[in-house]
Structure formats: C-alpha cells, structure tokens
N, C-alpha and C. Protein backbone atom coordinates (compact mmCIF):
# COMPACT_ATOMS: atom_id res chain seq x y z
N MET A 1 0.61 -1.29 -0.12
CA MET A 1 -0.15 -0.05 -0.39
C MET A 1 0.53 1.09 -0.29
N ASN A 2 0.50 1.89 -0.82
CA ASN A 2 1.41 3.52 -1.14
C ASN A 2 0.64 4.78 -0.01
N LEU A 3 1.09 4.54 1.41
CA LEU A 3 0.96 5.53 2.27
C LEU A 3 0.97 6.60 1.80
N HIS A 4 2.15 7.01 0.80
CA HIS A 4 2.44 8.57 0.38
C HIS A 4 1.49 8.92 -0.21
N GLY A 5 0.53 7.96 -1.31
CA GLY A 5 -0.40 8.42 -2.36
C GLY A 5 -1.22 8.68 -0.92
N VAL A 6 -1.84 7.83 -0.35
CA VAL A 6 -3.17 8.35 0.69
C VAL A 6 -2.82 9.81 0.96
N VAL A 7 -2.31 9.79 1.57
CA VAL A 7 -2.10 11.00 2.35
C VAL A 7 -1.75 12.48 1.60
N ARG A 8 -1.20 12.31 0.56
CA ARG A 8 -0.89 13.14 -0.37
C ARG A 8 -1.57 14.57 -0.44
N GLY A 9 -3.33 14.01 -0.59
CA GLY A 9 -4.15 15.07 -1.12
C GLY A 9 -4.59 16.11 0.72
N PRO A 10 -4.60 15.45 1.49
CA PRO A 10 -4.77 16.04 2.92
C PRO A 10 -3.22 17.49 2.74
N VAL A 11 -2.30 16.28 2.61
CA VAL A 11 -0.89 17.55 2.86
C VAL A 11 -0.67 18.47 1.96
N ASN A 12 -1.56 18.13 0.56
CA ASN A 12 -1.33 19.15 -0.55
C ASN A 12 -2.24 20.39 -0.27
N ALA A 13 -3.20 20.45 0.38
CA ALA A 13 -4.08 21.13 0.97
C ALA A 13 -3.72 22.10 2.52
N ILE A 14 -2.29 21.33 2.64
CA ILE A 14 -2.22 22.11 3.65
C ILE A 14 -0.58 23.13 2.99
N ASN A 15 0.54 22.19 2.05
CA ASN A 15 1.11 23.22 1.55
C ASN A 15 1.35 22.21 0.36
N PRO A 16 1.14 22.99 -0.70
CA PRO A 16 1.05 22.70 -2.39
C PRO A 16 2.43 21.82 -2.94
N ASP A 17 1.91 20.89 -3.55
CA ASP A 17 3.27 19.87 -4.39
C ASP A 17 3.95 21.69 -5.28
N ILE A 18 5.42 21.29 -5.79
CA ILE A 18 5.66 22.50 -6.59
C ILE A 18 5.95 21.60 -7.48
N GLN A 19 6.14 22.32 -8.39
CA GLN A 19 6.87 21.53 -10.29
C GLN A 19 8.23 21.81 -10.17
N GLY A 20 9.12 21.15 -10.16
CA GLY A 20 11.01 21.35 -10.44
C GLY A 20 10.90 19.93 -11.62
N LEU A 21 12.55 20.26 -11.42
CA LEU A 21 13.35 19.13 -12.53
C LEU A 21 14.07 18.53 -11.24
N ILE A 22 14.11 17.05 -12.27
CA ILE A 22 15.60 16.67 -11.65
C ILE A 22 16.03 16.54 -12.91
N LEU A 23 17.62 16.23 -12.12
CA LEU A 23 18.82 15.91 -13.10
C LEU A 23 19.50 14.66 -12.56
N ARG A 24 19.31 13.38 -13.17
CA ARG A 24 19.57 12.41 -12.50
C ARG A 24 21.35 12.59 -12.82
N SER A 25 22.19 12.16 -11.62
CA SER A 25 23.39 12.08 -11.97
C SER A 25 24.13 10.99 -12.94
N ALA A 26 24.87 11.20 -13.61
CA ALA A 26 25.50 10.47 -14.72
C ALA A 26 27.11 9.99 -14.36
N GLY A 27 27.76 10.67 -13.26
CA GLY A 27 29.24 10.49 -12.60
C GLY A 27 29.55 11.82 -13.29
N TYR A 28 30.74 11.74 -13.40
CA TYR A 28 31.29 12.88 -13.91
C TYR A 28 32.71 12.97 -15.26
N ASP A 29 32.93 14.19 -15.37
CA ASP A 29 34.40 13.80 -16.03
C ASP A 29 35.05 14.26 -15.53
N THR A 30 36.57 13.97 -15.43
CA THR A 30 37.84 14.71 -15.08
C THR A 30 39.24 15.23 -16.28
N LYS A 31 38.98 16.59 -15.90
CA LYS A 31 39.76 17.46 -16.65
C LYS A 31 41.11 17.01 -16.31
N LEU A 32 41.85 17.35 -17.32
CA LEU A 32 43.60 17.38 -17.44
C LEU A 32 44.43 17.79 -16.44
N ASP A 33 43.54 18.79 -15.30
CA ASP A 33 44.14 19.31 -14.01
C ASP A 33 43.62 18.96 -13.02
N GLY A 34 42.55 17.38 -13.19
CA GLY A 34 42.26 16.93 -12.15
C GLY A 34 40.82 17.33 -11.59
N TYR A 35 40.25 18.62 -12.34
CA TYR A 35 39.62 18.82 -11.71
C TYR A 35 37.93 17.76 -11.93
N ARG A 36 36.94 17.72 -11.41
CA ARG A 36 36.28 16.83 -11.99
C ARG A 36 34.80 17.87 -11.65
N ARG A 37 34.45 17.33 -13.13
CA ARG A 37 32.72 17.99 -13.27
C ARG A 37 31.76 16.86 -13.46
N PRO A 38 30.59 17.03 -12.57
CA PRO A 38 29.33 16.04 -12.52
C PRO A 38 28.75 16.43 -13.83
N LYS A 39 28.44 15.15 -14.20
CA LYS A 39 27.42 14.87 -15.35
C LYS A 39 26.17 14.11 -15.00
N TYR A 40 25.29 15.10 -15.89
CA TYR A 40 23.52 15.09 -15.54
C TYR A 40 22.77 14.51 -16.66
N LEU A 41 21.85 13.58 -16.95
CA LEU A 41 20.97 13.19 -17.47
C LEU A 41 20.41 14.48 -17.80
N GLN A 42 19.26 14.09 -18.95
CA GLN A 42 18.68 15.02 -19.77
C GLN A 42 17.37 15.51 -18.43
N ALA A 43 16.96 17.01 -17.85
CA ALA A 43 16.08 17.31 -17.06
C ALA A 43 14.87 16.55 -17.15
N GLN A 44 14.22 16.15 -16.36
CA GLN A 44 13.06 15.75 -15.87
C GLN A 44 11.74 16.40 -15.17
N SER A 45 10.57 16.86 -15.72
CA SER A 45 9.51 17.51 -14.97
C SER A 45 9.15 16.54 -13.81
N ILE A 46 9.09 17.09 -12.44
CA ILE A 46 8.52 16.00 -11.42
C ILE A 46 7.69 17.03 -10.14
N SER A 47 6.53 16.30 -9.93
CA SER A 47 6.14 16.97 -8.70
C SER A 47 7.21 16.82 -7.40
N LEU A 48 7.27 18.02 -6.55
CA LEU A 48 8.05 17.72 -5.06
C LEU A 48 7.02 18.89 -4.09
N GLN A 49 7.05 17.52 -2.98
CA GLN A 49 6.75 18.62 -1.79
C GLN A 49 7.95 18.52 -1.26
N VAL A 50 8.30 19.91 -1.05
CA VAL A 50 8.71 20.42 -0.04
C VAL A 50 8.69 20.81 1.25
N GLN A 51 9.53 20.58 1.99
CA GLN A 51 9.20 20.88 3.72
C GLN A 51 10.46 21.30 4.69
N ALA A 52 10.27 22.06 5.39
CA ALA A 52 11.41 21.77 6.22
C ALA A 52 11.91 20.78 7.19
N LEU A 53 13.15 20.48 7.65
CA LEU A 53 13.58 19.02 8.11
C LEU A 53 13.14 18.98 9.56
N ALA A 54 12.61 17.69 10.05
CA ALA A 54 11.98 17.54 11.33
C ALA A 54 13.13 17.02 12.13
N GLY A 55 12.87 17.19 13.46
CA GLY A 55 13.77 17.18 14.33
C GLY A 55 14.80 16.00 14.25
N GLY A 56 14.31 15.01 13.86
CA GLY A 56 14.99 13.26 13.72
C GLY A 56 16.06 13.91 12.25
N ASP A 57 15.39 14.19 11.50
CA ASP A 57 15.88 14.74 10.48
C ASP A 57 17.52 15.82 10.43
N LEU A 58 16.98 16.55 11.25
CA LEU A 58 18.11 17.27 11.37
C LEU A 58 19.04 16.61 12.44
N ARG A 59 19.39 15.66 13.18
CA ARG A 59 19.85 15.46 14.03
C ARG A 59 20.76 14.35 13.09
N HIS A 60 19.58 13.66 12.29
CA HIS A 60 20.80 12.63 11.15
C HIS A 60 21.54 13.64 10.31
N ALA A 61 21.11 14.74 9.91
CA ALA A 61 21.93 15.79 9.16
C ALA A 61 23.04 16.45 9.61
N GLU A 62 22.48 16.34 10.89
CA GLU A 62 24.14 16.78 12.24
C GLU A 62 25.68 16.02 12.09
N PHE A 63 24.77 14.31 12.26
CA PHE A 63 25.93 13.39 12.14
C PHE A 63 26.50 13.74 10.84
N LEU A 64 25.76 13.62 9.90
CA LEU A 64 26.79 13.88 8.27
C LEU A 64 27.52 14.89 8.39
N ASN A 65 27.55 16.09 9.24
CA ASN A 65 28.17 17.24 8.97
C ASN A 65 27.40 17.65 7.97
N LEU A 66 25.97 18.38 7.52
CA LEU A 66 26.07 18.78 6.05
C LEU A 66 25.41 20.26 7.01
N GLN A 67 25.99 21.31 6.22
CA GLN A 67 25.50 22.68 6.31
C GLN A 67 24.87 23.49 5.56
N GLY A 68 24.34 24.60 5.23
CA GLY A 68 23.68 25.42 4.59
C GLY A 68 21.99 25.24 4.57
N VAL A 69 21.60 25.47 3.68
CA VAL A 69 20.15 25.35 3.53
C VAL A 69 19.49 23.75 3.20
N LEU A 70 18.72 23.03 4.01
CA LEU A 70 18.36 22.13 3.68
C LEU A 70 16.80 22.12 3.65
N ARG A 71 16.48 21.05 2.47
CA ARG A 71 15.05 20.89 2.96
C ARG A 71 14.84 19.34 3.03
N ALA A 72 13.61 18.83 3.26
CA ALA A 72 13.05 17.42 3.40
C ALA A 72 12.54 17.61 1.97
N VAL A 73 12.35 16.68 0.83
CA VAL A 73 11.97 16.60 -0.10
C VAL A 73 11.27 15.05 -0.26
N TYR A 74 9.91 15.11 -0.49
CA TYR A 74 9.45 14.07 -0.95
C TYR A 74 9.00 13.95 -2.38
N LEU A 75 9.09 13.33 -3.05
CA LEU A 75 8.95 12.78 -4.94
C LEU A 75 8.53 11.21 -5.26
N PHE A 76 7.74 11.87 -5.90
CA PHE A 76 7.52 9.92 -6.35
C PHE A 76 8.46 9.67 -7.81
N GLY A 77 8.95 8.13 -7.41
CA GLY A 77 9.91 8.06 -7.33
C GLY A 77 11.20 7.84 -7.17
N ASP A 78 12.29 7.18 -7.67
CA ASP A 78 13.48 6.77 -7.15
C ASP A 78 14.56 7.79 -6.92
N THR A 79 15.28 8.36 -6.25
CA THR A 79 16.24 9.72 -6.58
C THR A 79 17.03 8.94 -5.72
N GLN A 80 18.54 9.53 -6.12
CA GLN A 80 19.86 8.74 -5.37
C GLN A 80 20.76 10.36 -4.69
N GLY A 81 21.35 9.72 -3.80
CA GLY A 81 22.20 10.78 -3.13
C GLY A 81 23.50 10.41 -3.45
N VAL A 82 24.63 10.58 -2.88
CA VAL A 82 26.11 10.58 -3.19
C VAL A 82 26.36 8.80 -3.09
N GLU A 83 26.95 8.46 -4.06
CA GLU A 83 27.36 6.78 -4.27
C GLU A 83 28.89 6.81 -4.83
N ARG A 84 29.31 6.75 -3.71
CA ARG A 84 31.01 6.87 -4.00
C ARG A 84 31.51 5.80 -4.69
N VAL A 85 30.72 4.37 -4.54
CA VAL A 85 31.14 2.90 -5.24
C VAL A 85 30.58 3.07 -6.53
N ALA A 86 29.57 3.70 -6.90
CA ALA A 86 28.72 3.44 -7.98
C ALA A 86 29.55 4.94 -9.01
N VAL A 87 30.29 5.89 -8.25
CA VAL A 87 30.97 6.68 -8.90
C VAL A 87 30.38 8.08 -9.24
N LYS A 88 28.91 8.60 -8.41
CA LYS A 88 27.85 9.41 -8.86
C LYS A 88 27.75 10.36 -7.94
N GLY A 89 27.43 11.37 -8.37
CA GLY A 89 27.42 12.79 -7.09
C GLY A 89 26.69 12.94 -6.68
N GLY A 90 25.45 12.38 -6.70
CA GLY A 90 24.23 12.66 -6.13
C GLY A 90 23.11 13.66 -7.26
N ASP A 91 21.57 13.26 -6.96
CA ASP A 91 21.05 13.84 -8.20
C ASP A 91 21.00 15.04 -8.05
N LEU A 92 20.13 15.94 -8.53
CA LEU A 92 20.26 17.33 -8.63
C LEU A 92 18.88 17.89 -8.63
N LEU A 93 18.12 18.33 -7.73
CA LEU A 93 16.42 18.98 -8.22
C LEU A 93 16.77 20.67 -8.16
N GLN A 94 15.87 20.69 -9.28
CA GLN A 94 16.00 22.39 -9.04
C GLN A 94 14.74 22.80 -9.10
N PHE A 95 14.35 23.60 -7.62
CA PHE A 95 13.30 24.57 -7.46
C PHE A 95 13.34 25.45 -6.78
N PRO A 96 12.56 26.30 -6.50
CA PRO A 96 12.63 27.72 -5.80
C PRO A 96 12.55 27.39 -4.41
N GLU A 97 13.38 28.19 -3.86
CA GLU A 97 13.26 28.19 -2.40
C GLU A 97 11.86 28.50 -1.76
N TYR A 98 11.44 28.98 -2.05
CA TYR A 98 9.92 29.51 -1.63
C TYR A 98 9.12 29.77 -2.81
N PRO A 99 7.75 29.92 -3.00
CA PRO A 99 6.92 30.65 -4.02
C PRO A 99 7.30 31.79 -4.42
N GLY A 100 7.99 32.02 -5.47
CA GLY A 100 8.13 33.03 -6.02
C GLY A 100 9.54 33.23 -6.61
N ALA A 101 10.17 32.76 -5.52
CA ALA A 101 11.49 33.06 -5.33
C ALA A 101 12.34 32.39 -6.98
N PRO A 102 13.63 32.69 -7.26
CA PRO A 102 13.92 32.11 -8.31
C PRO A 102 14.13 30.61 -8.18
N ILE A 103 14.31 30.18 -9.36
CA ILE A 103 14.59 28.30 -9.43
C ILE A 103 16.36 28.17 -9.22
N THR A 104 16.24 27.55 -8.20
CA THR A 104 18.03 27.37 -7.65
C THR A 104 18.37 25.27 -7.84
N ASN A 105 19.68 25.57 -7.45
CA ASN A 105 19.47 24.16 -7.16
C ASN A 105 20.13 23.35 -6.35
N TRP A 106 19.85 22.65 -6.05
CA TRP A 106 19.52 21.43 -5.06
C TRP A 106 20.12 19.69 -5.06
N LEU A 107 20.96 19.91 -4.43
CA LEU A 107 21.67 18.54 -4.38
C LEU A 107 20.93 17.48 -3.86
N VAL A 108 20.94 16.30 -3.82
CA VAL A 108 20.13 15.42 -3.30
C VAL A 108 21.34 14.78 -2.47
N THR A 109 21.55 15.33 -1.15
CA THR A 109 22.56 14.51 -0.10
C THR A 109 22.65 13.41 0.78
N GLU A 110 21.14 13.34 0.77
CA GLU A 110 20.83 12.07 1.40
C GLU A 110 19.67 11.48 1.28
N VAL A 111 19.51 9.85 0.97
CA VAL A 111 18.27 9.52 0.96
C VAL A 111 17.88 9.01 2.18
N LEU A 112 16.66 9.62 2.97
CA LEU A 112 15.99 9.30 3.83
C LEU A 112 14.99 7.78 3.79
N GLU A 113 14.32 8.20 3.26
CA GLU A 113 13.32 6.82 2.93
C GLU A 113 13.21 6.52 1.32
N THR A 114 13.10 5.28 0.86
CA THR A 114 12.84 5.14 -0.24
C THR A 114 12.05 3.97 -0.53
N TRP A 115 10.68 4.25 -1.20
CA TRP A 115 9.76 2.94 -1.22
C TRP A 115 9.09 2.92 -3.00
N ASN A 116 10.53 1.90 -3.04
CA ASN A 116 10.01 1.74 -4.82
C ASN A 116 9.13 0.68 -4.69
N PRO A 117 8.26 1.04 -5.84
CA PRO A 117 8.42 2.12 -7.08
C PRO A 117 7.91 3.14 -6.80
N GLY A 118 7.43 3.53 -5.78
CA GLY A 118 6.19 4.31 -4.96
C GLY A 118 6.99 5.95 -5.30
N TRP A 119 7.85 6.31 -3.87
CA TRP A 119 8.20 7.32 -3.54
C TRP A 119 9.50 7.55 -3.17
N SER A 120 10.16 8.66 -2.55
CA SER A 120 10.98 8.68 -1.70
C SER A 120 11.32 10.09 -0.99
N LYS A 121 12.15 10.10 0.27
CA LYS A 121 12.22 11.34 1.08
C LYS A 121 13.54 11.85 1.09
N VAL A 122 14.00 12.93 0.94
CA VAL A 122 15.36 12.98 0.73
C VAL A 122 15.70 14.28 0.87
N ILE A 123 16.85 14.43 1.93
CA ILE A 123 17.79 15.47 1.96
C ILE A 123 18.52 16.37 0.94
N ALA A 124 17.67 17.41 1.00
CA ALA A 124 18.43 18.10 -0.32
C ALA A 124 19.21 19.71 0.19
N THR A 125 20.00 19.92 -0.23
CA THR A 125 21.31 21.01 -0.03
C THR A 125 21.26 21.96 -0.93
N GLN A 126 20.94 23.50 -0.72
CA GLN A 126 20.84 24.25 -1.83
C GLN A 126 22.36 24.62 -1.86
N GLN A 127 22.67 24.53 -3.22
CA GLN A 127 23.95 24.82 -3.80
C GLN A 127 24.08 26.22 -4.00
N ILE A 128 25.63 26.78 -4.02
CA ILE A 128 25.96 28.05 -3.78
C ILE A 128 25.56 28.51 -5.74
N ASP A 129 25.80 27.66 -6.48
CA ASP A 129 26.09 28.27 -7.81
C ASP A 129 24.48 28.65 -8.24
N ALA A 130 24.58 30.11 -9.00
CA ALA A 130 24.16 30.68 -9.68
C ALA A 130 23.55 30.01 -11.24
N ILE A 131 23.94 28.97 -11.39
CA ILE A 131 23.31 28.90 -13.11
C ILE A 131 22.61 27.78 -12.98
N VAL A 132 21.47 27.69 -13.26
CA VAL A 132 20.61 26.25 -13.66
C VAL A 132 20.51 25.81 -14.83
N ILE A 133 20.53 24.68 -14.87
CA ILE A 133 21.52 23.29 -15.64
C ILE A 133 19.79 23.15 -16.29
N GLN A 134 19.76 23.14 -17.82
CA GLN A 134 18.55 22.51 -18.10
C GLN A 134 18.88 22.11 -19.48
C-alpha cells in the first residue's frame, strides 16, 4: 500500500506540491588538471513536496556534517544521493526555495526513505552556484 499516495491530498491542502526538475547523476568527467565536473542526464519535470526538516532529520544531518540550507523533499519515484562506489555525485533538483523565488539547484545529499517504485524522501542541500542547468 502506498501510504504516501493516501495522505498526499490532505498534505497538499496545507502545503501544495511545486513543479521542479530532476537531473539524475551520470557520474563525472575528469579534466587534465584533475578537476571533476559532474554529469547529469536530461532534466525531467517532477512534482515535489518541499518541507522543513523534522527534528530527527536534523539530527541525522548533523551526524553527516551537512551545512547550509537544507530541505526535506518528497517525490514520486527513486532518486539517489552521493554514491561513492557507483561514482555518482548525487541527483540534482531544481526548484524555488519558496513560491515566487528564483529557481535554484538543490543537491540530493541523503536519501532518508525510499519505497520503490512509489516515492522517496531525501535531504536536499541548496547549492551556491547561480547557474540553472536545463
């Protein structure tokens, strides 16, 4: 049973989904000087439920030493954070920090829950760069 699907309606009545983009990590390229540039597959449109981190999620992020602007993001489907073994740097989400704000890049830094093929809950960290990849 997809409980996330069951509660989606009441949750959206209070905090509506936002449309965003997901760019799935495809590893990275290494330049001659050693600089690694992340690679992403083509962007796909996705509905996102963006929320503040709960107390337990904040403690989890604290142990990971994550800093910056963090959000809990619920989305249908599977997404991945940093996977060193698979040489992936984490999927990238693009959405505004709040309604009316400019679109910014958010790196999936930790997958908190995944219920394939249903939905995922991740910690996304806002990125400093102002470039919007599309």
